């Protein structure tokens, strides 16, 4: 039943998936962006999916630097999600102001203990 929504309906649903493999050493981490049509893209450092992904990716590209620790990477991601028109306060992850139904960003920045 659910499968037909994605292929046979008048306006099929488009789904994007981000799959991340994170290990003990950052060198082996991988991130794959899978588009609704089955296209798989290998992402490096960060990725954005959803309704405003292009704008969020542009913001991430402008502020991302290699070697960010976890806290700095989260701050960069929150700034990219918020954009110039709003600021997302750290610690308000359950707030509706920082979560959209179709927007998301992910980072492979240092998920490993330092």
N, C-alpha and C. Protein backbone atom coordinates (compact mmCIF):
# COMPACT_ATOMS: atom_id res chain seq x y z
N UNK A 1 0.81 -1.20 0.00
CA UNK A 1 0.00 0.00 0.00
C UNK A 1 0.85 1.26 0.00
N UNK A 2 1.73 1.36 0.98
CA UNK A 2 2.55 2.57 1.10
C UNK A 2 3.44 2.75 -0.12
N UNK A 3 3.95 1.65 -0.66
CA UNK A 3 4.84 1.72 -1.81
C UNK A 3 4.22 2.36 -3.02
N UNK A 4 2.92 2.20 -3.22
CA UNK A 4 2.26 2.77 -4.39
C UNK A 4 2.18 4.29 -4.32
N UNK A 5 2.24 4.87 -3.13
CA UNK A 5 2.22 6.32 -2.98
C UNK A 5 3.43 6.93 -3.68
N UNK A 6 4.54 6.21 -3.67
CA UNK A 6 5.78 6.73 -4.22
C UNK A 6 5.90 6.54 -5.73
N UNK A 7 5.07 5.69 -6.32
CA UNK A 7 5.24 5.40 -7.74
C UNK A 7 3.98 5.53 -8.59
N UNK A 8 2.80 5.26 -8.03
CA UNK A 8 1.61 5.16 -8.86
C UNK A 8 0.57 6.26 -8.64
N UNK A 9 0.73 7.07 -7.65
CA UNK A 9 -0.25 8.12 -7.39
C UNK A 9 -0.13 9.23 -8.42
N UNK A 10 -1.18 10.07 -8.53
CA UNK A 10 -1.19 11.18 -9.47
C UNK A 10 0.01 12.09 -9.24
N UNK A 11 0.30 12.39 -7.99
CA UNK A 11 1.47 13.18 -7.62
C UNK A 11 2.28 12.34 -6.64
N UNK A 12 3.23 11.55 -7.14
CA UNK A 12 3.97 10.66 -6.24
C UNK A 12 4.80 11.44 -5.23
N UNK A 13 5.00 10.84 -4.09
CA UNK A 13 5.82 11.44 -3.04
C UNK A 13 7.28 11.32 -3.46
N UNK A 14 8.05 12.36 -3.15
CA UNK A 14 9.48 12.33 -3.41
C UNK A 14 10.19 12.28 -2.07
N UNK A 15 11.05 11.30 -1.91
CA UNK A 15 11.72 11.08 -0.63
C UNK A 15 13.23 11.15 -0.86
N UNK A 16 13.91 11.82 0.05
CA UNK A 16 15.37 11.82 0.05
C UNK A 16 15.83 11.20 1.36
N UNK A 17 16.91 10.45 1.30
CA UNK A 17 17.43 9.79 2.49
C UNK A 17 18.91 10.13 2.60
N UNK A 18 19.35 10.37 3.82
CA UNK A 18 20.76 10.58 4.09
C UNK A 18 21.23 9.44 4.98
N UNK A 19 22.20 8.68 4.50
CA UNK A 19 22.73 7.54 5.24
C UNK A 19 24.17 7.87 5.62
N UNK A 20 24.46 7.77 6.92
CA UNK A 20 25.81 8.06 7.39
C UNK A 20 26.39 6.85 8.10
N UNK A 21 27.63 6.53 7.79
CA UNK A 21 28.37 5.48 8.46
C UNK A 21 29.48 6.17 9.25
N UNK A 22 29.39 6.09 10.57
CA UNK A 22 30.34 6.77 11.43
C UNK A 22 31.03 5.73 12.29
N UNK A 23 32.35 5.72 12.23
CA UNK A 23 33.12 4.74 12.98
C UNK A 23 33.95 5.38 14.07
N UNK A 24 34.89 4.64 14.59
CA UNK A 24 35.75 5.13 15.65
C UNK A 24 36.78 6.13 15.14
N UNK A 25 37.16 6.01 13.88
CA UNK A 25 38.12 6.95 13.28
C UNK A 25 37.42 7.70 12.16
N UNK A 26 37.56 9.02 12.16
CA UNK A 26 36.87 9.88 11.18
C UNK A 26 37.25 9.56 9.74
N UNK A 27 38.45 9.03 9.53
CA UNK A 27 38.91 8.75 8.17
C UNK A 27 38.00 7.75 7.44
N UNK A 28 37.34 6.89 8.16
CA UNK A 28 36.49 5.88 7.54
C UNK A 28 35.03 6.27 7.42
N UNK A 29 34.67 7.45 7.90
CA UNK A 29 33.27 7.89 7.85
C UNK A 29 32.81 8.09 6.41
N UNK A 30 31.53 7.79 6.17
CA UNK A 30 30.94 7.97 4.85
C UNK A 30 29.54 8.54 5.01
N UNK A 31 29.10 9.29 3.99
CA UNK A 31 27.76 9.85 4.01
C UNK A 31 27.22 9.79 2.58
N UNK A 32 26.02 9.23 2.43
CA UNK A 32 25.41 9.07 1.12
C UNK A 32 24.04 9.73 1.09
N UNK A 33 23.81 10.53 0.06
CA UNK A 33 22.54 11.20 -0.16
C UNK A 33 21.82 10.43 -1.27
N UNK A 34 20.68 9.85 -0.93
CA UNK A 34 19.92 9.05 -1.89
C UNK A 34 18.67 9.84 -2.29
N UNK A 35 18.57 10.14 -3.57
CA UNK A 35 17.44 10.92 -4.09
C UNK A 35 16.24 10.02 -4.37
N UNK A 36 15.08 10.62 -4.55
CA UNK A 36 13.84 9.89 -4.77
C UNK A 36 13.90 8.98 -5.98
N UNK A 37 14.73 9.32 -6.97
CA UNK A 37 14.80 8.50 -8.19
C UNK A 37 15.85 7.40 -8.09
N UNK A 38 16.48 7.26 -6.92
CA UNK A 38 17.47 6.21 -6.71
C UNK A 38 18.91 6.66 -6.91
N UNK A 39 19.11 7.89 -7.35
CA UNK A 39 20.46 8.41 -7.52
C UNK A 39 21.16 8.48 -6.17
N UNK A 40 22.40 7.99 -6.11
CA UNK A 40 23.18 8.01 -4.88
C UNK A 40 24.37 8.95 -5.07
N UNK A 41 24.51 9.89 -4.13
CA UNK A 41 25.63 10.82 -4.18
C UNK A 41 26.47 10.67 -2.92
N UNK A 42 27.77 10.60 -3.10
CA UNK A 42 28.71 10.53 -1.98
C UNK A 42 28.93 11.95 -1.48
N UNK A 43 28.57 12.22 -0.24
CA UNK A 43 28.72 13.57 0.34
C UNK A 43 29.97 13.62 1.20
N UNK A 44 30.60 14.76 1.26
CA UNK A 44 31.78 14.96 2.10
C UNK A 44 31.50 16.10 3.07
N UNK A 45 31.89 15.95 4.31
CA UNK A 45 31.85 16.97 5.35
C UNK A 45 30.45 17.36 5.83
N UNK A 46 29.54 17.70 4.94
CA UNK A 46 28.19 18.11 5.34
C UNK A 46 27.21 17.83 4.20
N UNK A 47 25.93 17.81 4.54
CA UNK A 47 24.89 17.63 3.53
C UNK A 47 23.61 18.27 4.03
N UNK A 48 22.78 18.70 3.12
CA UNK A 48 21.46 19.23 3.45
C UNK A 48 20.45 18.58 2.53
N UNK A 49 19.30 18.21 3.08
CA UNK A 49 18.24 17.60 2.28
C UNK A 49 16.94 18.29 2.62
N UNK A 50 16.00 18.21 1.72
CA UNK A 50 14.68 18.76 1.98
C UNK A 50 14.37 19.98 1.14
N UNK A 51 13.35 20.69 1.56
CA UNK A 51 12.77 21.78 0.80
C UNK A 51 13.71 22.92 0.45
N UNK A 52 14.57 23.32 1.34
CA UNK A 52 15.45 24.46 1.11
C UNK A 52 16.91 24.03 1.13
N UNK A 53 17.17 22.81 0.67
CA UNK A 53 18.51 22.22 0.76
C UNK A 53 19.57 23.03 0.02
N UNK A 54 19.24 23.57 -1.12
CA UNK A 54 20.24 24.32 -1.90
C UNK A 54 20.72 25.56 -1.15
N UNK A 55 19.79 26.29 -0.56
CA UNK A 55 20.15 27.48 0.21
C UNK A 55 20.96 27.10 1.44
N UNK A 56 20.53 26.06 2.14
CA UNK A 56 21.25 25.61 3.34
C UNK A 56 22.65 25.13 2.96
N UNK A 57 22.79 24.39 1.88
CA UNK A 57 24.10 23.93 1.43
C UNK A 57 25.02 25.09 1.10
N UNK A 58 24.47 26.13 0.48
CA UNK A 58 25.27 27.31 0.17
C UNK A 58 25.77 27.96 1.45
N UNK A 59 24.89 28.09 2.43
CA UNK A 59 25.31 28.67 3.72
C UNK A 59 26.37 27.81 4.40
N UNK A 60 26.21 26.49 4.35
CA UNK A 60 27.20 25.59 4.93
C UNK A 60 28.55 25.74 4.22
N UNK A 61 28.53 25.82 2.90
CA UNK A 61 29.77 25.96 2.13
C UNK A 61 30.51 27.25 2.50
N UNK A 62 29.77 28.29 2.83
CA UNK A 62 30.37 29.58 3.17
C UNK A 62 31.00 29.59 4.56
N UNK A 63 30.53 28.71 5.46
CA UNK A 63 30.99 28.78 6.85
C UNK A 63 31.73 27.54 7.33
N UNK A 64 31.67 26.45 6.58
CA UNK A 64 32.30 25.20 7.00
C UNK A 64 33.81 25.28 6.85
N UNK A 65 34.53 24.76 7.84
CA UNK A 65 35.98 24.62 7.74
C UNK A 65 36.36 23.23 8.22
N UNK A 66 37.40 22.69 7.66
CA UNK A 66 37.89 21.36 8.03
C UNK A 66 38.33 21.36 9.49
N UNK A 67 38.04 20.27 10.18
CA UNK A 67 38.53 20.10 11.54
C UNK A 67 37.67 20.69 12.64
N UNK A 68 36.44 21.08 12.34
CA UNK A 68 35.55 21.61 13.38
C UNK A 68 35.28 20.54 14.43
N UNK A 69 35.25 20.95 15.69
CA UNK A 69 34.83 19.99 16.71
C UNK A 69 33.31 19.90 16.69
N UNK A 70 32.75 19.00 17.46
CA UNK A 70 31.31 18.76 17.43
C UNK A 70 30.50 20.02 17.73
N UNK A 71 30.87 20.75 18.77
CA UNK A 71 30.12 21.95 19.16
C UNK A 71 30.15 23.01 18.06
N UNK A 72 31.32 23.21 17.46
CA UNK A 72 31.44 24.20 16.39
C UNK A 72 30.65 23.77 15.15
N UNK A 73 30.67 22.46 14.83
CA UNK A 73 29.92 21.95 13.68
C UNK A 73 28.42 22.13 13.89
N UNK A 74 27.95 21.88 15.10
CA UNK A 74 26.53 22.08 15.41
C UNK A 74 26.17 23.55 15.27
N UNK A 75 27.03 24.44 15.75
CA UNK A 75 26.77 25.88 15.64
C UNK A 75 26.70 26.31 14.18
N UNK A 76 27.61 25.81 13.35
CA UNK A 76 27.60 26.13 11.92
C UNK A 76 26.32 25.61 11.27
N UNK A 77 25.91 24.38 11.61
CA UNK A 77 24.68 23.82 11.06
C UNK A 77 23.44 24.59 11.47
N UNK A 78 23.39 24.99 12.74
CA UNK A 78 22.23 25.75 13.22
C UNK A 78 22.16 27.12 12.54
N UNK A 79 23.30 27.75 12.33
CA UNK A 79 23.33 29.04 11.65
C UNK A 79 22.87 28.88 10.20
N UNK A 80 23.30 27.79 9.54
CA UNK A 80 22.89 27.54 8.16
C UNK A 80 21.39 27.27 8.07
N UNK A 81 20.85 26.51 9.03
CA UNK A 81 19.41 26.23 9.03
C UNK A 81 18.59 27.48 9.30
N UNK A 82 19.07 28.32 10.21
CA UNK A 82 18.34 29.54 10.57
C UNK A 82 18.41 30.61 9.51
N UNK A 83 19.56 30.74 8.87
CA UNK A 83 19.75 31.77 7.86
C UNK A 83 19.90 33.14 8.48
N UNK A 84 19.96 34.16 7.64
CA UNK A 84 20.17 35.52 8.15
C UNK A 84 18.95 36.11 8.85
N UNK A 85 17.78 35.53 8.60
CA UNK A 85 16.55 36.11 9.13
C UNK A 85 16.19 35.64 10.54
N UNK A 86 16.83 34.59 11.03
CA UNK A 86 16.53 34.12 12.38
C UNK A 86 17.73 33.43 12.98
N UNK A 87 17.79 33.43 14.29
CA UNK A 87 18.86 32.76 15.01
C UNK A 87 18.25 31.65 15.84
N UNK A 88 18.85 30.49 15.77
CA UNK A 88 18.37 29.35 16.53
C UNK A 88 19.24 29.24 17.78
N UNK A 89 18.61 29.31 18.93
CA UNK A 89 19.36 29.26 20.19
C UNK A 89 19.80 27.83 20.48
N UNK A 90 21.05 27.66 20.85
CA UNK A 90 21.57 26.37 21.23
C UNK A 90 20.82 25.87 22.45
N UNK A 91 20.42 24.60 22.43
CA UNK A 91 19.67 24.06 23.55
C UNK A 91 18.18 24.07 23.33
N UNK A 92 17.73 24.64 22.22
CA UNK A 92 16.29 24.66 21.94
C UNK A 92 15.95 23.68 20.84
N UNK A 93 16.59 22.51 20.84
CA UNK A 93 16.41 21.55 19.76
C UNK A 93 14.98 21.04 19.64
N UNK A 94 14.19 21.16 20.68
CA UNK A 94 12.79 20.73 20.60
C UNK A 94 11.88 21.87 20.17
N UNK A 95 12.43 23.05 20.01
CA UNK A 95 11.65 24.22 19.62
C UNK A 95 11.21 24.12 18.17
N UNK A 96 10.01 24.56 17.87
CA UNK A 96 9.53 24.51 16.50
C UNK A 96 10.30 25.48 15.62
N UNK A 97 10.99 26.47 16.20
CA UNK A 97 11.73 27.42 15.40
C UNK A 97 12.95 26.81 14.74
N UNK A 98 13.42 25.66 15.19
CA UNK A 98 14.62 25.08 14.60
C UNK A 98 14.33 23.79 13.85
N UNK A 99 13.09 23.39 13.75
CA UNK A 99 12.77 22.17 13.03
C UNK A 99 11.71 22.48 11.98
N UNK A 100 12.01 22.11 10.76
CA UNK A 100 11.03 22.24 9.70
C UNK A 100 10.62 20.85 9.27
N UNK A 101 9.47 20.70 8.65
CA UNK A 101 9.00 19.38 8.28
C UNK A 101 9.82 18.74 7.16
N UNK A 102 10.51 19.54 6.33
CA UNK A 102 11.22 18.95 5.21
C UNK A 102 12.68 19.36 5.13
N UNK A 103 13.17 20.17 6.05
CA UNK A 103 14.54 20.63 5.96
C UNK A 103 15.42 19.91 6.94
N UNK A 104 16.63 19.60 6.54
CA UNK A 104 17.57 18.96 7.44
C UNK A 104 18.99 19.15 6.98
N UNK A 105 19.90 19.09 7.91
CA UNK A 105 21.32 19.17 7.58
C UNK A 105 22.05 18.17 8.45
N UNK A 106 23.11 17.64 7.93
CA UNK A 106 23.90 16.69 8.69
C UNK A 106 25.37 16.98 8.50
N UNK A 107 26.15 16.55 9.46
CA UNK A 107 27.58 16.78 9.41
C UNK A 107 28.32 15.55 9.87
N UNK A 108 29.49 15.34 9.31
CA UNK A 108 30.35 14.26 9.78
C UNK A 108 31.45 14.81 10.67
N UNK A 109 31.27 16.01 11.18
CA UNK A 109 32.31 16.65 11.97
C UNK A 109 32.55 15.94 13.28
N UNK A 110 33.71 15.45 13.43
CA UNK A 110 34.24 14.92 14.67
C UNK A 110 33.23 14.31 15.63
N UNK A 111 32.50 13.25 15.23
CA UNK A 111 31.61 12.59 16.16
C UNK A 111 32.39 11.69 17.10
N UNK A 112 33.68 11.67 16.95
CA UNK A 112 34.55 10.78 17.70
C UNK A 112 35.13 11.51 18.90
N UNK A 113 35.35 10.80 19.98
CA UNK A 113 35.95 11.43 21.17
C UNK A 113 37.32 12.00 20.83
N UNK A 114 37.61 13.15 21.41
CA UNK A 114 38.91 13.77 21.15
C UNK A 114 39.78 13.70 22.38
